[in-house]
């Protein structure tokens, strides 16, 4: 068995485990902290945002606030899971609706051939949350320009300092294509992956539709558990 973490920071869980040559991704979250350096979106014209002075580095893209914070005036980008070979992923198990924010990037990739499983409430709530982001941006009166994010100076935010791979936030069409490939499951419903691995979702109890997953491999099983108080904590428990 091999375990590889592809998440960015503690709150973007994305772990791939290899069992009997079956690759299972546990959760698929993007680093939403990458949204902090962007100029806030608003469905209304707000003069104090429109009139922010430009920054000398990129006057058309960067704006200075009164506290000398630099904000990026472009379309939104997220940090997807890092270094993922989507072609080898056989299945993705989602634990709750907050841990699928990177799913459209993975599932709509042309090389992805795997399966995705989540509880029915998790699927419904997760899709509503992602669609809400798209609808909100569509209502904004001013359209943001699209630029090469590698040109953003490193002093603006740490994600630009490390030249982290950024993906433009998905469209409603991407979301529909993604969620059409998810198979909803019920609690305690047994899933068999290629006759080699069995997976069962059990109630986690901290959000609607949240699930802890039990994965069985011959005489060994382990559980993927999210701590009921801190959703950023991922625990593995092996039992024989």
Protein backbone atom coordinates (compact mmCIF):
# COMPACT_ATOMS: atom_id res chain seq x y z
CA UNK A 1 0.00 0.00 0.00
CA UNK A 2 1.18 3.50 -0.90
CA UNK A 3 -0.25 6.83 0.34
CA UNK A 4 0.47 10.12 -1.46
CA UNK A 5 -0.75 13.55 -0.42
CA UNK A 6 -1.63 15.91 -3.28
CA UNK A 7 -3.37 18.59 -1.21
CA UNK A 8 -2.25 22.20 -0.94
CA UNK A 9 -2.17 23.25 2.74
CA UNK A 10 -4.16 21.62 5.53
CA UNK A 11 -7.62 22.63 4.38
CA UNK A 12 -7.42 21.20 0.84
CA UNK A 13 -7.52 17.45 1.39
CA UNK A 14 -6.55 15.25 -1.53
CA UNK A 15 -4.88 11.93 -0.82
CA UNK A 16 -4.29 9.03 -3.22
CA UNK A 17 -3.86 5.52 -1.88
CA UNK A 18 -2.72 2.51 -3.90
CA UNK A 19 -4.23 -0.82 -2.89
CA UNK A 20 -3.80 -3.98 -4.98
CA UNK A 21 -2.87 -1.74 -7.92
CA UNK A 22 -6.14 0.20 -7.47
CA UNK A 23 -5.62 3.96 -7.06
CA UNK A 24 -8.25 5.66 -4.88
CA UNK A 25 -8.39 9.41 -4.34
CA UNK A 26 -9.78 10.44 -0.96
CA UNK A 27 -11.43 13.87 -1.30
CA UNK A 28 -10.63 16.38 -4.02
CA UNK A 29 -10.41 19.90 -2.63
CA UNK A 30 -8.80 23.02 -4.06
CA UNK A 31 -6.94 25.59 -2.00
CA UNK A 32 -9.59 28.32 -1.77
CA UNK A 33 -7.11 30.46 0.16
CA UNK A 34 -5.73 31.40 -3.25
CA UNK A 35 -8.79 33.65 -3.73
CA UNK A 36 -7.68 36.13 -1.05
CA UNK A 37 -5.45 38.37 -3.23
CA UNK A 38 -8.21 39.14 -5.74
CA UNK A 39 -10.21 42.34 -5.87
CA UNK A 40 -13.64 41.53 -4.36
CA UNK A 41 -16.45 40.79 -6.76
CA UNK A 42 -19.64 42.75 -6.38
CA UNK A 43 -22.99 42.61 -8.17
CA UNK A 44 -23.23 46.40 -7.62
CA UNK A 45 -21.04 49.25 -8.70
CA UNK A 46 -18.95 50.23 -5.67
CA UNK A 47 -17.00 53.46 -6.27
CA UNK A 48 -14.42 52.80 -3.56
CA UNK A 49 -13.42 49.59 -5.37
CA UNK A 50 -13.60 51.06 -8.87
CA UNK A 51 -11.51 54.07 -7.85
CA UNK A 52 -8.62 52.22 -6.19
CA UNK A 53 -5.29 53.56 -7.44
CA UNK A 54 -3.21 51.32 -9.74
CA UNK A 55 0.03 49.69 -8.65
CA UNK A 56 3.14 50.75 -10.57
CA UNK A 57 4.13 47.15 -11.46
CA UNK A 58 1.02 46.28 -13.51
CA UNK A 59 -1.24 49.34 -13.53
CA UNK A 60 -4.02 47.62 -15.49
CA UNK A 61 -4.07 44.52 -13.28
CA UNK A 62 -2.95 45.46 -9.77
CA UNK A 63 -4.76 47.84 -7.43
CA UNK A 64 -3.59 49.38 -4.16
CA UNK A 65 -5.87 49.65 -1.15
CA UNK A 66 -5.64 52.40 1.44
CA UNK A 67 -3.69 50.02 3.67
CA UNK A 68 -1.18 49.43 0.83
CA UNK A 69 -2.42 45.90 0.26
CA UNK A 70 -2.13 44.92 -3.41
CA UNK A 71 -5.14 43.21 -5.02
CA UNK A 72 -5.34 41.44 -8.36
CA UNK A 73 -8.04 42.61 -10.76
CA UNK A 74 -8.37 39.50 -12.95
CA UNK A 75 -10.68 36.52 -13.27
CA UNK A 76 -10.54 34.19 -10.26
CA UNK A 77 -8.12 31.28 -10.07
CA UNK A 78 -7.86 28.33 -7.69
CA UNK A 79 -4.94 26.12 -6.71
CA UNK A 80 -5.88 22.55 -7.71
CA UNK A 81 -4.33 19.41 -6.19
CA UNK A 82 -0.66 19.24 -7.05
CA UNK A 83 1.15 16.65 -9.17
CA UNK A 84 -1.86 14.40 -9.83
CA UNK A 85 -1.66 11.86 -12.64
CA UNK A 86 -5.38 11.70 -13.41
CA UNK A 87 -4.90 8.82 -15.83
CA UNK A 88 -4.19 6.35 -13.00
CA UNK A 89 -7.06 7.35 -10.70
CA UNK A 90 -9.58 4.50 -10.56
CA UNK A 91 -12.02 5.98 -8.03
CA UNK A 92 -12.61 9.15 -6.02
CA UNK A 93 -14.37 9.01 -2.63
CA UNK A 94 -15.78 12.30 -1.32
CA UNK A 95 -16.35 12.77 2.41
CA UNK A 96 -18.37 16.02 2.42
CA UNK A 97 -19.54 18.86 0.20
CA UNK A 98 -16.63 21.15 1.10
CA UNK A 99 -14.04 18.67 -0.16
CA UNK A 100 -14.96 18.57 -3.84
CA UNK A 101 -13.97 22.07 -4.92
CA UNK A 102 -11.27 20.72 -7.25
CA UNK A 103 -13.40 17.91 -8.66
CA UNK A 104 -14.25 19.70 -11.95
CA UNK A 105 -10.54 20.01 -12.74
CA UNK A 106 -9.97 16.28 -12.27
CA UNK A 107 -13.16 14.71 -13.61
CA UNK A 108 -13.37 16.79 -16.81
CA UNK A 109 -9.74 16.09 -17.67
CA UNK A 110 -9.63 14.10 -20.94
CA UNK A 111 -7.40 11.42 -19.37
CA UNK A 112 -9.65 10.72 -16.38
CA UNK A 113 -11.38 7.33 -16.65
CA UNK A 114 -12.24 6.68 -13.01
CA UNK A 115 -15.42 6.65 -10.97
CA UNK A 116 -16.59 9.18 -8.39
CA UNK A 117 -18.71 8.34 -5.34
CA UNK A 118 -20.40 10.58 -2.76
CA UNK A 119 -23.60 10.54 -0.75
CA UNK A 120 -26.68 12.07 -2.38
CA UNK A 121 -26.83 15.11 0.00
CA UNK A 122 -23.12 15.71 -0.54
CA UNK A 123 -23.60 15.76 -4.32
CA UNK A 124 -26.59 18.11 -4.12
CA UNK A 125 -25.03 20.57 -1.66
CA UNK A 126 -21.65 20.54 -3.38
CA UNK A 127 -23.15 21.33 -6.77
CA UNK A 128 -25.27 24.16 -5.33
CA UNK A 129 -22.18 25.72 -3.73
CA UNK A 130 -20.12 25.64 -6.94
CA UNK A 131 -22.99 26.87 -9.11
CA UNK A 132 -23.55 29.76 -6.66
CA UNK A 133 -19.97 30.96 -7.24
CA UNK A 134 -20.46 30.97 -11.02
CA UNK A 135 -23.83 32.71 -10.86
CA UNK A 136 -22.46 35.37 -8.53
CA UNK A 137 -19.59 36.18 -10.89
CA UNK A 138 -21.96 36.33 -13.87
CA UNK A 139 -23.98 39.03 -12.10
CA UNK A 140 -21.01 41.34 -11.68
CA UNK A 141 -21.35 44.36 -13.98
CA UNK A 142 -17.63 44.55 -14.79
CA UNK A 143 -15.93 41.62 -16.48
CA UNK A 144 -12.45 40.79 -15.28
CA UNK A 145 -9.57 40.51 -17.78
CA UNK A 146 -7.76 37.22 -18.32
CA UNK A 147 -4.00 37.37 -18.01
CA UNK A 148 -1.02 35.07 -17.68
CA UNK A 149 -0.86 34.59 -13.91
CA UNK A 150 2.90 33.94 -14.04
CA UNK A 151 3.34 37.68 -14.71
CA UNK A 152 1.90 38.63 -11.30
CA UNK A 153 4.77 39.85 -9.04
CA UNK A 154 5.73 37.62 -6.15
CA UNK A 155 5.20 40.31 -3.50
CA UNK A 156 1.42 40.30 -4.06
CA UNK A 157 0.76 36.93 -2.40
CA UNK A 158 2.70 33.73 -1.52
CA UNK A 159 0.93 31.76 -4.29
CA UNK A 160 2.64 34.00 -6.84
CA UNK A 161 5.99 33.77 -5.07
CA UNK A 162 6.21 30.01 -5.57
CA UNK A 163 4.70 30.14 -9.07
CA UNK A 164 2.06 27.66 -7.97
CA UNK A 165 -0.03 26.24 -10.79
CA UNK A 166 -3.29 28.16 -10.94
CA UNK A 167 -6.46 27.17 -12.76
CA UNK A 168 -9.15 29.61 -13.80
CA UNK A 169 -12.33 28.96 -11.85
CA UNK A 170 -14.72 26.61 -13.61
CA UNK A 171 -17.83 27.50 -15.58
CA UNK A 172 -21.37 26.22 -15.05
CA UNK A 173 -20.84 23.90 -18.02
CA UNK A 174 -17.73 22.40 -16.36
CA UNK A 175 -19.70 21.83 -13.17
CA UNK A 176 -22.59 20.11 -14.97
CA UNK A 177 -20.17 17.86 -16.86
CA UNK A 178 -18.39 16.99 -13.62
CA UNK A 179 -21.43 16.17 -11.51
CA UNK A 180 -23.00 14.09 -14.27
CA UNK A 181 -20.17 11.59 -13.69
CA UNK A 182 -20.69 11.25 -9.93
CA UNK A 183 -22.45 8.15 -8.65
CA UNK A 184 -24.57 8.95 -5.56
CA UNK A 185 -24.44 6.33 -2.81
CA UNK A 186 -26.38 5.62 0.36
CA UNK A 187 -24.92 5.12 3.82
CA UNK A 188 -23.75 1.54 4.40
CA UNK A 189 -24.04 0.77 0.69
CA UNK A 190 -21.20 -1.57 -0.31
CA UNK A 191 -19.17 -0.68 -3.38
CA UNK A 192 -16.85 -3.13 -5.10
CA UNK A 193 -13.99 -1.72 -7.12
CA UNK A 194 -12.79 -4.12 -9.80
CA UNK A 195 -13.35 -7.10 -7.51
CA UNK A 196 -10.30 -6.09 -5.47
CA UNK A 197 -11.37 -3.42 -2.99
CA UNK A 198 -14.63 -2.83 -1.10
CA UNK A 199 -15.74 0.62 0.08
CA UNK A 200 -18.57 1.57 2.45
CA UNK A 201 -19.69 5.06 3.51
CA UNK A 202 -20.91 5.55 7.08
CA UNK A 203 -22.37 8.70 8.70
CA UNK A 204 -19.77 11.18 9.93
CA UNK A 205 -22.28 13.38 11.73
CA UNK A 206 -20.76 16.86 11.36
CA UNK A 207 -22.49 18.09 8.15
CA UNK A 208 -25.44 16.96 6.07
CA UNK A 209 -24.36 14.05 3.90
CA UNK A 210 -20.85 13.84 5.36
CA UNK A 211 -19.35 10.38 5.37
CA UNK A 212 -16.44 8.44 6.75
CA UNK A 213 -15.28 5.75 4.35
CA UNK A 214 -14.34 2.21 5.30
CA UNK A 215 -12.07 0.55 2.74
CA UNK A 216 -11.60 -3.22 2.89
CA UNK A 217 -8.79 -5.13 1.28
CA UNK A 218 -8.89 -8.90 1.84
CA UNK A 219 -8.35 -9.30 5.61
CA UNK A 220 -7.41 -5.68 6.23
CA UNK A 221 -9.55 -2.58 6.41
CA UNK A 222 -9.00 1.06 7.25
CA UNK A 223 -11.15 4.12 7.70
CA UNK A 224 -10.91 7.64 6.35
CA UNK A 225 -12.31 9.87 9.10
CA UNK A 226 -12.77 13.60 9.29
CA UNK A 227 -12.51 14.93 12.81
CA UNK A 228 -16.03 16.05 13.88
CA UNK A 229 -14.75 19.38 15.21
CA UNK A 230 -11.99 20.30 12.77
CA UNK A 231 -12.84 19.48 9.15
CA UNK A 232 -9.25 20.13 8.11
CA UNK A 233 -7.97 17.04 9.92
CA UNK A 234 -7.78 13.77 8.03
CA UNK A 235 -7.29 10.57 10.02
CA UNK A 236 -6.53 7.05 8.89
CA UNK A 237 -7.22 4.08 11.15
CA UNK A 238 -6.07 0.58 10.26
CA UNK A 239 -7.81 -2.47 11.65
CA UNK A 240 -7.36 -6.10 10.80
